[in-house]
C-alpha atoms as a PDB file:
ATOM      1  CA  MET A   1       0.000   0.000   0.000  1.00  0.00           C
ATOM      2  CA  ASP A   2       1.459   3.374  -0.910  1.00  0.00           C
ATOM      3  CA  GLU A   3       1.455   6.494   1.185  1.00  0.00           C
ATOM      4  CA  THR A   4      -1.453   8.101  -0.645  1.00  0.00           C
ATOM      5  CA  GLU A   5      -3.790   5.204   0.151  1.00  0.00           C
ATOM      6  CA  THR A   6      -2.680   5.173   3.806  1.00  0.00           C
ATOM      7  CA  VAL A   7      -3.491   8.826   4.251  1.00  0.00           C
ATOM      8  CA  SER A   8      -6.867   8.350   2.614  1.00  0.00           C
ATOM      9  CA  ASN A   9      -7.745   5.409   4.840  1.00  0.00           C
ATOM     10  CA  HIS A  10      -6.716   7.332   7.905  1.00  0.00           C
ATOM     11  CA  LYS A  11      -8.928  10.286   6.985  1.00  0.00           C
ATOM     12  CA  THR A  12     -11.857   7.977   6.345  1.00  0.00           C
ATOM     13  CA  SER A  13     -11.409   6.307   9.731  1.00  0.00           C
ATOM     14  CA  GLN A  14     -11.283   9.645  11.496  1.00  0.00           C
ATOM     15  CA  ALA A  15     -14.434  10.844   9.749  1.00  0.00           C
ATOM     16  CA  THR A  16     -16.236   7.669  10.768  1.00  0.00           C
ATOM     17  CA  LYS A  17     -15.200   8.101  14.383  1.00  0.00           C
ATOM     18  CA  LYS A  18     -16.347  11.746  14.347  1.00  0.00           C
ATOM     19  CA  GLY A  19     -19.695  10.677  12.901  1.00  0.00           C
ATOM     20  CA  LYS A  20     -20.171   8.047  15.624  1.00  0.00           C
ATOM     21  CA  THR A  21     -19.161  10.549  18.288  1.00  0.00           C
ATOM     22  CA  SER A  22     -21.670  13.109  16.935  1.00  0.00           C
ATOM     23  CA  ASP A  23     -24.491  10.541  16.931  1.00  0.00           C
ATOM     24  CA  GLU A  24     -23.684   9.489  20.476  1.00  0.00           C
ATOM     25  CA  LEU A  25     -23.739  13.125  21.630  1.00  0.00           C
ATOM     26  CA  LYS A  26     -27.144  13.654  20.026  1.00  0.00           C
ATOM     27  CA  ARG A  27     -28.531  10.550  21.705  1.00  0.00           C
ATOM     28  CA  LYS A  28     -27.187  11.604  25.093  1.00  0.00           C
ATOM     29  CA  LYS A  29     -28.666  15.103  24.708  1.00  0.00           C
ATOM     30  CA  ALA A  30     -32.039  13.603  23.777  1.00  0.00           C
ATOM     31  CA  VAL A  31     -31.931  11.285  26.809  1.00  0.00           C
ATOM     32  CA  ARG A  32     -31.093  14.228  29.087  1.00  0.00           C
ATOM     33  CA  ARG A  33     -33.989  16.285  27.646  1.00  0.00           C
ATOM     34  CA  ASN A  34     -36.418  13.397  28.142  1.00  0.00           C
ATOM     35  CA  SER A  35     -35.131  12.836  31.646  1.00  0.00           C
ATOM     36  CA  GLN A  36     -35.559  16.518  32.544  1.00  0.00           C
ATOM     37  CA  GLY A  37     -39.083  16.580  31.059  1.00  0.00           C
ATOM     38  CA  ALA A  38     -40.085  13.506  33.074  1.00  0.00           C
ATOM     39  CA  LYS A  39     -38.742  15.081  36.252  1.00  0.00           C
ATOM     40  CA  GLU A  40     -40.654  18.315  35.578  1.00  0.00           C
ATOM     41  CA  ASN A  41     -43.868  16.366  34.955  1.00  0.00           C
ATOM     42  CA  GLN A  42     -43.307  14.343  38.066  1.00  0.00           C
ATOM     43  CA  HIS A  43     -42.756  17.540  40.038  1.00  0.00           C
ATOM     44  CA  LYS A  44     -46.000  18.981  38.687  1.00  0.00           C
ATOM     45  CA  CYS A  45     -47.867  15.818  39.611  1.00  0.00           C
ATOM     46  CA  VAL A  46     -46.428  15.981  43.094  1.00  0.00           C
ATOM     47  CA  GLN A  47     -47.543  19.588  43.357  1.00  0.00           C
ATOM     48  CA  LYS A  48     -51.064  18.625  42.299  1.00  0.00           C
ATOM     49  CA  THR A  49     -51.231  15.780  44.749  1.00  0.00           C
ATOM     50  CA  ASN A  50     -50.175  18.152  47.497  1.00  0.00           C
ATOM     51  CA  LEU A  51     -53.194  20.407  46.861  1.00  0.00           C
ATOM     52  CA  PRO A  52     -55.767  20.477  49.673  1.00  0.00           C
ATOM     53  CA  LYS A  53     -58.464  17.828  49.211  1.00  0.00           C
ATOM     54  CA  ARG A  54     -61.821  19.032  47.931  1.00  0.00           C
ATOM     55  CA  LYS A  55     -64.579  18.657  50.464  1.00  0.00           C
ATOM     56  CA  ARG A  56     -67.104  16.041  49.402  1.00  0.00           C
ATOM     57  CA  GLU A  57     -70.629  17.419  49.305  1.00  0.00           C
ATOM     58  CA  PRO A  58     -73.446  15.288  50.668  1.00  0.00           C
ATOM     59  CA  LEU A  59     -75.604  13.439  48.158  1.00  0.00           C
ATOM     60  CA  GLN A  60     -78.837  15.172  47.210  1.00  0.00           C
ATOM     61  CA  SER A  61     -82.249  13.577  47.388  1.00  0.00           C
ATOM     62  CA  THR A  62     -83.516  12.203  44.088  1.00  0.00           C
ATOM     63  CA  SER A  63     -86.669  14.249  44.577  1.00  0.00           C
ATOM     64  CA  ASN A  64     -84.693  17.344  43.531  1.00  0.00           C
ATOM     65  CA  ILE A  65     -83.306  15.817  40.376  1.00  0.00           C
ATOM     66  CA  SER A  66     -86.135  17.314  38.339  1.00  0.00           C
ATOM     67  CA  ASP A  67     -84.867  20.784  39.367  1.00  0.00           C
ATOM     68  CA  HIS A  68     -81.497  20.107  37.743  1.00  0.00           C
ATOM     69  CA  TYR A  69     -82.771  18.008  34.849  1.00  0.00           C
ATOM     70  CA  PRO A  70     -86.154  19.424  33.815  1.00  0.00           C
ATOM     71  CA  LYS A  71     -88.448  17.043  32.015  1.00  0.00           C
ATOM     72  CA  LYS A  72     -88.875  17.520  28.312  1.00  0.00           C
ATOM     73  CA  LYS A  73     -92.253  19.089  27.703  1.00  0.00           C
ATOM     74  CA  HIS A  74     -94.630  17.325  25.344  1.00  0.00           C
ATOM     75  CA  ALA A  75     -95.836  19.683  22.679  1.00  0.00           C
ATOM     76  CA  VAL A  76     -99.628  19.422  22.932  1.00  0.00           C
ATOM     77  CA  THR A  77    -101.420  20.515  19.799  1.00  0.00           C
ATOM     78  CA  LYS A  78    -104.742  22.331  19.778  1.00  0.00           C
ATOM     79  CA  GLN A  79    -106.269  19.275  18.126  1.00  0.00           C
ATOM     80  CA  GLU A  80    -105.360  17.185  21.184  1.00  0.00           C
ATOM     81  CA  GLU A  81    -106.812  19.718  23.651  1.00  0.00           C
ATOM     82  CA  PHE A  82    -110.080  20.763  21.999  1.00  0.00           C
ATOM     83  CA  TYR A  83    -112.946  19.012  20.286  1.00  0.00           C
ATOM     84  CA  SER A  84    -113.234  19.916  16.612  1.00  0.00           C
ATOM     85  CA  MET A  85    -116.283  22.117  15.941  1.00  0.00           C
ATOM     86  CA  SER A  86    -115.813  22.831  12.226  1.00  0.00           C
ATOM     87  CA  HIS A  87    -118.719  21.054  10.514  1.00  0.00           C
ATOM     88  CA  ARG A  88    -121.926  22.832   9.504  1.00  0.00           C
ATOM     89  CA  PRO A  89    -124.425  21.860  10.649  1.00  0.00           C
ATOM     90  CA  LEU A  90    -122.540  21.182  13.847  1.00  0.00           C
ATOM     91  CA  GLY A  91    -124.864  18.321  14.796  1.00  0.00           C
ATOM     92  CA  TYR A  92    -128.415  17.329  15.613  1.00  0.00           C
ATOM     93  CA  CYS A  93    -130.202  18.845  18.610  1.00  0.00           C
ATOM     94  CA  LEU A  94    -133.187  16.754  19.704  1.00  0.00           C
ATOM     95  CA  ILE A  95    -135.692  18.471  22.026  1.00  0.00           C
ATOM     96  CA  ILE A  96    -138.262  16.207  23.715  1.00  0.00           C
ATOM     97  CA  ASN A  97    -140.949  18.511  25.085  1.00  0.00           C
ATOM     98  CA  ASN A  98    -143.611  16.853  27.266  1.00  0.00           C
ATOM     99  CA  TYR A  99    -146.436  19.173  28.254  1.00  0.00           C
ATOM    100  CA  ASN A 100    -149.698  17.197  28.343  1.00  0.00           C
ATOM    101  CA  PHE A 101    -149.881  14.844  31.346  1.00  0.00           C
ATOM    102  CA  GLY A 102    -153.677  14.976  31.462  1.00  0.00           C
ATOM    103  CA  SER A 103    -154.040  11.177  31.432  1.00  0.00           C
ATOM    104  CA  THR A 104    -152.048  10.895  34.684  1.00  0.00           C
ATOM    105  CA  SER A 105    -152.219  12.327  38.181  1.00  0.00           C
ATOM    106  CA  LEU A 106    -149.422  14.716  37.196  1.00  0.00           C
ATOM    107  CA  GLY A 107    -150.258  18.221  36.099  1.00  0.00           C
ATOM    108  CA  ASN A 108    -149.568  19.704  32.688  1.00  0.00           C
ATOM    109  CA  ARG A 109    -146.190  21.403  32.504  1.00  0.00           C
ATOM    110  CA  LYS A 110    -147.064  25.057  32.027  1.00  0.00           C
ATOM    111  CA  GLY A 111    -144.137  27.178  30.898  1.00  0.00           C
ATOM    112  CA  THR A 112    -142.397  24.364  28.993  1.00  0.00           C
ATOM    113  CA  GLU A 113    -143.168  26.065  25.638  1.00  0.00           C
ATOM    114  CA  LYS A 114    -140.908  28.972  26.691  1.00  0.00           C
ATOM    115  CA  ASP A 115    -138.099  26.504  27.398  1.00  0.00           C
ATOM    116  CA  LYS A 116    -138.606  24.783  24.049  1.00  0.00           C
ATOM    117  CA  ASP A 117    -138.557  28.053  22.092  1.00  0.00           C
ATOM    118  CA  ASP A 118    -135.476  29.407  23.861  1.00  0.00           C
ATOM    119  CA  LEU A 119    -133.530  26.151  23.466  1.00  0.00           C
ATOM    120  CA  THR A 120    -134.440  26.083  19.760  1.00  0.00           C
ATOM    121  CA  ARG A 121    -133.174  29.638  19.266  1.00  0.00           C
ATOM    122  CA  VAL A 122    -129.934  29.111  21.192  1.00  0.00           C
ATOM    123  CA  PHE A 123    -128.912  25.838  19.548  1.00  0.00           C
ATOM    124  CA  GLU A 124    -129.821  27.035  16.069  1.00  0.00           C
ATOM    125  CA  ASN A 125    -127.489  29.971  16.697  1.00  0.00           C
ATOM    126  CA  MET A 126    -124.825  27.410  17.599  1.00  0.00           C
ATOM    127  CA  PHE A 127    -125.245  25.827  14.131  1.00  0.00           C
ATOM    128  CA  PHE A 128    -127.208  22.769  15.327  1.00  0.00           C
ATOM    129  CA  LYS A 129    -130.028  21.273  13.310  1.00  0.00           C
ATOM    130  CA  VAL A 130    -132.861  21.351  15.849  1.00  0.00           C
ATOM    131  CA  GLU A 131    -135.734  18.845  15.809  1.00  0.00           C
ATOM    132  CA  VAL A 132    -138.590  19.034  18.355  1.00  0.00           C
ATOM    133  CA  ARG A 133    -140.777  16.111  19.407  1.00  0.00           C
ATOM    134  CA  ASP A 134    -143.797  17.017  21.553  1.00  0.00           C
ATOM    135  CA  ASP A 135    -145.740  14.946  24.081  1.00  0.00           C
ATOM    136  CA  LEU A 136    -144.085  11.535  23.824  1.00  0.00           C
ATOM    137  CA  GLU A 137    -145.102   8.467  25.765  1.00  0.00           C
ATOM    138  CA  GLU A 138    -142.439   6.217  27.259  1.00  0.00           C
ATOM    139  CA  LYS A 139    -142.280   3.933  24.189  1.00  0.00           C
ATOM    140  CA  ASP A 140    -142.121   6.951  21.856  1.00  0.00           C
ATOM    141  CA  ILE A 141    -139.192   8.394  23.793  1.00  0.00           C
ATOM    142  CA  ARG A 142    -137.311   5.120  23.394  1.00  0.00           C
ATOM    143  CA  ASN A 143    -138.114   5.007  19.670  1.00  0.00           C
ATOM    144  CA  VAL A 144    -136.962   8.543  18.930  1.00  0.00           C
ATOM    145  CA  ILE A 145    -133.742   7.966  20.893  1.00  0.00           C
ATOM    146  CA  LYS A 146    -133.105   4.832  18.814  1.00  0.00           C
ATOM    147  CA  GLU A 147    -133.867   6.767  15.608  1.00  0.00           C
ATOM    148  CA  PHE A 148    -131.301   9.489  16.328  1.00  0.00           C
ATOM    149  CA  ALA A 149    -128.672   7.008  17.545  1.00  0.00           C
ATOM    150  CA  GLU A 150    -128.955   5.126  14.242  1.00  0.00           C
ATOM    151  CA  ARG A 151    -128.526   8.254  12.102  1.00  0.00           C
ATOM    152  CA  ASP A 152    -125.281   9.030  10.281  1.00  0.00           C
ATOM    153  CA  HIS A 153    -123.348  11.659  12.266  1.00  0.00           C
ATOM    154  CA  SER A 154    -120.105  11.282  10.301  1.00  0.00           C
ATOM    155  CA  GLN A 155    -120.342  14.807   8.825  1.00  0.00           C
ATOM    156  CA  MET A 156    -121.136  16.355  12.208  1.00  0.00           C
ATOM    157  CA  ASP A 157    -119.087  17.136  15.325  1.00  0.00           C
ATOM    158  CA  ALA A 158    -121.541  16.798  18.234  1.00  0.00           C
ATOM    159  CA  PHE A 159    -124.971  15.719  19.415  1.00  0.00           C
ATOM    160  CA  VAL A 160    -127.376  17.408  21.853  1.00  0.00           C
ATOM    161  CA  CYS A 161    -130.516  16.044  23.490  1.00  0.00           C
ATOM    162  CA  CYS A 162    -132.775  18.171  25.724  1.00  0.00           C
ATOM    163  CA  VAL A 163    -135.571  16.481  27.690  1.00  0.00           C
ATOM    164  CA  LEU A 164    -138.301  18.659  29.225  1.00  0.00           C
ATOM    165  CA  SER A 165    -140.596  16.513  31.330  1.00  0.00           C
ATOM    166  CA  HIS A 166    -141.610  15.292  34.759  1.00  0.00           C
ATOM    167  CA  GLY A 167    -139.127  12.926  36.363  1.00  0.00           C
ATOM    168  CA  GLU A 168    -138.043  10.733  39.214  1.00  0.00           C
ATOM    169  CA  LYS A 169    -134.649   9.765  40.534  1.00  0.00           C
ATOM    170  CA  GLY A 170    -132.512   8.643  37.605  1.00  0.00           C
ATOM    171  CA  SER A 171    -135.453   8.797  35.163  1.00  0.00           C
ATOM    172  CA  VAL A 172    -137.648  10.993  32.997  1.00  0.00           C
ATOM    173  CA  LEU A 173    -141.336  10.299  32.401  1.00  0.00           C
ATOM    174  CA  GLY A 174    -143.350   9.886  29.243  1.00  0.00           C
ATOM    175  CA  ILE A 175    -146.730  11.637  29.153  1.00  0.00           C
ATOM    176  CA  ASP A 176    -148.256   8.256  30.123  1.00  0.00           C
ATOM    177  CA  GLY A 177    -146.393   8.465  33.444  1.00  0.00           C
ATOM    178  CA  ASN A 178    -143.989   5.597  32.640  1.00  0.00           C
ATOM    179  CA  GLN A 179    -140.279   5.929  33.350  1.00  0.00           C
ATOM    180  CA  VAL A 180    -137.340   6.007  30.947  1.00  0.00           C
ATOM    181  CA  PRO A 181    -134.030   5.728  32.842  1.00  0.00           C
ATOM    182  CA  ILE A 182    -131.565   8.448  31.877  1.00  0.00           C
ATOM    183  CA  CYS A 183    -128.912   5.806  31.242  1.00  0.00           C
ATOM    184  CA  GLU A 184    -131.184   4.316  28.577  1.00  0.00           C
ATOM    185  CA  LEU A 185    -131.331   7.708  26.889  1.00  0.00           C
ATOM    186  CA  THR A 186    -127.549   7.888  26.675  1.00  0.00           C
ATOM    187  CA  GLN A 187    -126.498   4.285  26.088  1.00  0.00           C
ATOM    188  CA  PRO A 188    -127.621   4.001  22.424  1.00  0.00           C
ATOM    189  CA  PHE A 189    -125.356   6.944  21.567  1.00  0.00           C
ATOM    190  CA  ALA A 190    -122.400   5.275  23.275  1.00  0.00           C
ATOM    191  CA  GLU A 191    -122.786   2.531  20.661  1.00  0.00           C
ATOM    192  CA  CYS A 192    -123.084   4.956  17.711  1.00  0.00           C
ATOM    193  CA  LEU A 193    -119.860   4.621  15.701  1.00  0.00           C
ATOM    194  CA  THR A 194    -120.269   7.926  13.850  1.00  0.00           C
ATOM    195  CA  LEU A 195    -120.373   9.751  17.217  1.00  0.00           C
ATOM    196  CA  ALA A 196    -117.247   8.061  18.588  1.00  0.00           C
ATOM    197  CA  CYS A 197    -114.817  10.577  20.142  1.00  0.00           C
ATOM    198  CA  LYS A 198    -117.392  13.362  19.674  1.00  0.00           C
ATOM    199  CA  PRO A 199    -119.167  15.198  22.519  1.00  0.00           C
ATOM    200  CA  LYS A 200    -122.700  14.021  23.328  1.00  0.00           C
ATOM    201  CA  LEU A 201    -124.592  16.486  25.520  1.00  0.00           C
ATOM    202  CA  PHE A 202    -127.811  15.818  27.466  1.00  0.00           C
ATOM    203  CA  PHE A 203    -129.734  18.489  29.351  1.00  0.00           C
ATOM    204  CA  ILE A 204    -132.504  17.139  31.570  1.00  0.00           C
ATOM    205  CA  GLN A 205    -135.209  19.423  32.976  1.00  0.00           C
ATOM    206  CA  ALA A 206    -137.016  17.085  35.366  1.00  0.00           C
ATOM    207  CA  CYS A 207    -137.162  16.481  39.090  1.00  0.00           C
ATOM    208  CA  GLN A 208    -134.959  13.762  40.502  1.00  0.00           C
ATOM    209  CA  GLY A 209    -137.072  13.101  43.584  1.00  0.00           C
ATOM    210  CA  ASN A 210    -139.628  14.662  45.945  1.00  0.00           C
ATOM    211  CA  LYS A 211    -137.386  16.344  48.479  1.00  0.00           C
ATOM    212  CA  ALA A 212    -137.194  20.118  48.691  1.00  0.00           C
ATOM    213  CA  GLN A 213    -133.696  21.426  49.332  1.00  0.00           C
ATOM    214  CA  GLN A 214    -133.254  23.571  52.423  1.00  0.00           C
ATOM    215  CA  GLY A 215    -131.031  26.624  52.385  1.00  0.00           C
ATOM    216  CA  LEU A 216    -128.390  27.606  54.941  1.00  0.00           C
ATOM    217  CA  TRP A 217    -128.144  31.033  56.546  1.00  0.00           C
ATOM    218  CA  MET A 218    -124.996  32.937  55.553  1.00  0.00           C
ATOM    219  CA  ALA A 219    -123.652  36.074  57.218  1.00  0.00           C
ATOM    220  CA  ASP A 220    -124.384  39.321  55.345  1.00  0.00           C
ATOM    221  CA  GLY A 221    -125.910  37.412  52.452  1.00  0.00           C
ATOM    222  CA  HIS A 222    -128.546  38.528  49.995  1.00  0.00           C
ATOM    223  CA  GLU A 223    -131.450  36.258  49.196  1.00  0.00           C
ATOM    224  CA  SER A 224    -132.829  36.129  45.654  1.00  0.00           C
ATOM    225  CA  THR A 225    -136.552  35.488  45.471  1.00  0.00           C
ATOM    226  CA  THR A 226    -139.080  34.729  42.740  1.00  0.00           C
ATOM    227  CA  GLU A 227    -142.807  35.335  42.391  1.00  0.00           C
ATOM    228  CA  GLU A 228    -144.683  33.196  44.882  1.00  0.00           C
ATOM    229  CA  GLY A 229    -147.539  31.137  43.474  1.00  0.00           C
ATOM    230  CA  THR A 230    -146.107  30.958  39.943  1.00  0.00           C
ATOM    231  CA  ILE A 231    -143.495  28.257  40.524  1.00  0.00           C
ATOM    232  CA  GLU A 232    -144.289  24.585  39.933  1.00  0.00           C
ATOM    233  CA  GLU A 233    -142.367  21.375  40.536  1.00  0.00           C
ATOM    234  CA  ASP A 234    -141.311  18.871  37.878  1.00  0.00           C
ATOM    235  CA  SER A 235    -141.502  15.876  40.251  1.00  0.00           C
ATOM    236  CA  HIS A 236    -143.677  12.871  40.405  1.00  0.00           C
ATOM    237  CA  THR A 237    -138.255   6.824  42.975  1.00  0.00           C
ATOM    238  CA  ALA A 238    -135.696   3.779  41.397  1.00  0.00           C
ATOM    239  CA  ALA A 239    -131.981   4.533  41.714  1.00  0.00           C
ATOM    240  CA  LEU A 240    -130.255   4.036  38.385  1.00  0.00           C
ATOM    241  CA  GLN A 241    -126.849   5.049  37.121  1.00  0.00           C
ATOM    242  CA  SER A 242    -127.432   8.142  34.993  1.00  0.00           C
ATOM    243  CA  ILE A 243    -123.942   8.744  33.566  1.00  0.00           C
ATOM    244  CA  PRO A 244    -122.682   6.306  30.924  1.00  0.00           C
ATOM    245  CA  LYS A 245    -119.306   4.687  31.326  1.00  0.00           C
ATOM    246  CA  SER A 246    -118.396   5.596  27.744  1.00  0.00           C
ATOM    247  CA  ALA A 247    -116.258   8.642  27.034  1.00  0.00           C
ATOM    248  CA  ASP A 248    -117.279  12.039  25.664  1.00  0.00           C
ATOM    249  CA  PHE A 249    -120.631  12.438  27.447  1.00  0.00           C
ATOM    250  CA  LEU A 250    -121.934  15.374  29.438  1.00  0.00           C
ATOM    251  CA  ILE A 251    -125.224  15.376  31.340  1.00  0.00           C
ATOM    252  CA  GLY A 252    -126.607  18.531  32.914  1.00  0.00           C
ATOM    253  CA  ILE A 253    -129.540  17.807  35.253  1.00  0.00           C
ATOM    254  CA  ALA A 254    -131.830  20.430  36.755  1.00  0.00           C
ATOM    255  CA  SER A 255    -131.421  19.098  40.321  1.00  0.00           C
ATOM    256  CA  VAL A 256    -129.357  16.659  42.316  1.00  0.00           C
ATOM    257  CA  GLU A 257    -130.729  13.216  43.132  1.00  0.00           C
ATOM    258  CA  HIS A 258    -133.754  12.979  45.446  1.00  0.00           C
ATOM    259  CA  CYS A 259    -134.615  16.658  44.930  1.00  0.00           C
ATOM    260  CA  LYS A 260    -137.147  18.792  43.105  1.00  0.00           C
ATOM    261  CA  SER A 261    -136.592  21.263  40.288  1.00  0.00           C
ATOM    262  CA  TYR A 262    -138.775  24.294  39.658  1.00  0.00           C
ATOM    263  CA  ARG A 263    -140.502  25.805  36.635  1.00  0.00           C
ATOM    264  CA  HIS A 264    -142.145  29.191  36.219  1.00  0.00           C
ATOM    265  CA  VAL A 265    -145.589  28.797  34.604  1.00  0.00           C
ATOM    266  CA  LYS A 266    -144.894  31.680  32.182  1.00  0.00           C
ATOM    267  CA  ASN A 267    -141.144  32.220  32.062  1.00  0.00           C
ATOM    268  CA  GLY A 268    -140.030  28.594  31.847  1.00  0.00           C
ATOM    269  CA  SER A 269    -137.908  26.408  34.111  1.00  0.00           C
ATOM    270  CA  ILE A 270    -135.212  27.939  36.290  1.00  0.00           C
ATOM    271  CA  PHE A 271    -132.480  25.603  35.027  1.00  0.00           C
ATOM    272  CA  ILE A 272    -133.201  25.804  31.272  1.00  0.00           C
ATOM    273  CA  GLN A 273    -133.612  29.567  31.301  1.00  0.00           C
ATOM    274  CA  GLU A 274    -130.293  30.044  33.098  1.00  0.00           C
ATOM    275  CA  LEU A 275    -128.636  27.540  30.746  1.00  0.00           C
ATOM    276  CA  CYS A 276    -129.793  29.494  27.681  1.00  0.00           C
ATOM    277  CA  LYS A 277    -128.661  32.767  29.238  1.00  0.00           C
ATOM    278  CA  GLN A 278    -125.169  31.515  30.074  1.00  0.00           C
ATOM    279  CA  LEU A 279    -124.700  29.814  26.683  1.00  0.00           C
ATOM    280  CA  GLU A 280    -125.590  33.048  24.897  1.00  0.00           C
ATOM    281  CA  ASP A 281    -123.208  34.970  27.151  1.00  0.00           C
ATOM    282  CA  GLY A 282    -120.281  32.541  27.231  1.00  0.00           C
ATOM    283  CA  CYS A 283    -120.115  30.907  23.790  1.00  0.00           C
ATOM    284  CA  PRO A 284    -119.409  34.129  21.809  1.00  0.00           C
ATOM    285  CA  ARG A 285    -116.512  34.727  24.217  1.00  0.00           C
ATOM    286  CA  ASN A 286    -115.131  31.210  23.653  1.00  0.00           C
ATOM    287  CA  LYS A 287    -115.912  29.988  27.160  1.00  0.00           C
ATOM    288  CA  ASP A 288    -115.772  26.202  27.555  1.00  0.00           C
ATOM    289  CA  ILE A 289    -118.904  24.261  28.484  1.00  0.00           C
ATOM    290  CA  ASN A 290    -117.689  23.359  31.985  1.00  0.00           C
ATOM    291  CA  SER A 291    -117.118  27.015  32.862  1.00  0.00           C
ATOM    292  CA  ILE A 292    -120.547  27.898  31.506  1.00  0.00           C
ATOM    293  CA  LEU A 293    -122.303  25.170  33.493  1.00  0.00           C
ATOM    294  CA  THR A 294    -120.466  26.200  36.657  1.00  0.00           C
ATOM    295  CA  LYS A 295    -122.023  29.661  36.247  1.00  0.00           C
ATOM    296  CA  VAL A 296    -125.417  28.010  35.730  1.00  0.00           C
ATOM    297  CA  ASN A 297    -124.990  26.104  38.999  1.00  0.00           C
ATOM    298  CA  ARG A 298    -124.011  29.248  40.878  1.00  0.00           C
ATOM    299  CA  ALA A 299    -126.859  31.343  39.490  1.00  0.00           C
ATOM    300  CA  VAL A 300    -129.577  28.728  40.121  1.00  0.00           C
ATOM    301  CA  SER A 301    -128.360  27.771  43.583  1.00  0.00           C
ATOM    302  CA  SER A 302    -128.277  31.423  44.701  1.00  0.00           C
ATOM    303  CA  GLN A 303    -132.045  31.800  44.231  1.00  0.00           C
ATOM    304  CA  THR A 304    -134.925  30.755  46.474  1.00  0.00           C
ATOM    305  CA  PHE A 305    -138.112  29.105  45.178  1.00  0.00           C
ATOM    306  CA  GLN A 306    -141.119  28.826  47.509  1.00  0.00           C
ATOM    307  CA  ARG A 307    -138.626  29.146  50.397  1.00  0.00           C
ATOM    308  CA  PHE A 308    -136.552  26.273  49.008  1.00  0.00           C
ATOM    309  CA  LYS A 309    -133.347  25.929  46.978  1.00  0.00           C
ATOM    310  CA  GLN A 310    -132.422  24.138  43.767  1.00  0.00           C
ATOM    311  CA  MET A 311    -128.974  22.729  42.982  1.00  0.00           C
ATOM    312  CA  PRO A 312    -128.278  21.557  39.411  1.00  0.00           C
ATOM    313  CA  GLU A 313    -125.780  18.782  38.794  1.00  0.00           C
ATOM    314  CA  VAL A 314    -123.319  18.187  35.946  1.00  0.00           C
ATOM    315  CA  ARG A 315    -121.758  14.815  35.222  1.00  0.00           C
ATOM    316  CA  TYR A 316    -119.321  14.281  32.392  1.00  0.00           C
ATOM    317  CA  THR A 317    -116.764  11.998  30.795  1.00  0.00           C
ATOM    318  CA  LEU A 318    -115.459  14.555  28.309  1.00  0.00           C
ATOM    319  CA  THR A 319    -111.858  13.930  27.270  1.00  0.00           C
ATOM    320  CA  LYS A 320    -111.144  17.336  25.731  1.00  0.00           C
ATOM    321  CA  THR A 321    -112.121  20.958  26.219  1.00  0.00           C
ATOM    322  CA  LEU A 322    -115.441  21.748  24.575  1.00  0.00           C
ATOM    323  CA  VAL A 323    -115.980  25.269  23.215  1.00  0.00           C
ATOM    324  CA  LEU A 324    -119.230  25.578  21.291  1.00  0.00           C
ATOM    325  CA  PRO A 325    -119.366  28.148  18.482  1.00  0.00           C
ATOM    326  CA  MET A 326    -122.168  30.683  18.244  1.00  0.00           C
ATOM    327  CA  LYS A 327    -123.299  33.157  15.626  1.00  0.00           C
ATOM    328  CA  HIS A 328    -122.762  36.796  16.504  1.00  0.00           C
ATOM    329  CA  VAL A 329    -126.328  38.000  16.817  1.00  0.00           C
ATOM    330  CA  SER A 330    -126.794  41.784  16.868  1.00  0.00           C
END
């Protein structure tokens, strides 16, 4: 080997050694940096662990969870809350008006013509198709109820039946003096498919017994009176269930069970006249039927008839709010 090759090999060996030395220095520096970083992180962790412990708060009762996590409200649509009242005519209104009880020991029902006329006017203004049947015997009442229950109500939104007659507990009377239980007036309509989920309203002007309701003295009260000698009773007693188990019924009765209701021989019955008045006042202002009948109860019960009181009764299985429309009559 000559001198030139020796020098070259020597330089190459030195360069290799320098390269190895440089790589080793880089690795050592990297190890030192990693070691310092680990120590710093460890120091920080130690500092965190030396922080004062957070005080554990007592567990809260689950009854308060709703305050922190409010329940999601269900968006209730107007269709779910209110009965639809959009069809015209709105429905049938059957008025059974029994006046002539001459073949029985019961007297003729003077003043019932005023009730019939006022009910006809009010329900026609509420877009009902009104049909009046006068002086029906017990079998005729059953037949007309069956007739209306078998009609097609698919293009209508409601049904109304008003019975003006003498009565006993849980029943109304035909002009022959025979009873028709109120539940047998309502039951055929519970089975009417075209009235399913639609309100079926019954207003009964008839006594529900022979007892006269006594009033109670109230401090600083005012007593409402009517003309003595012009008030008659609609009474004539089998206990029968008078509210159907089916949904969407409402029954307004002139008096509670066992008690009499009163009728003016010229101005009509106390209950029907107040009903017509409150319907004409409340319906144009979009008052619901329950609010209207509550006012009827209050107005009737505040009066005194032949020193006695009358308390109407409302029973219902309505599943929605019922607001009946009415024409704006000038």
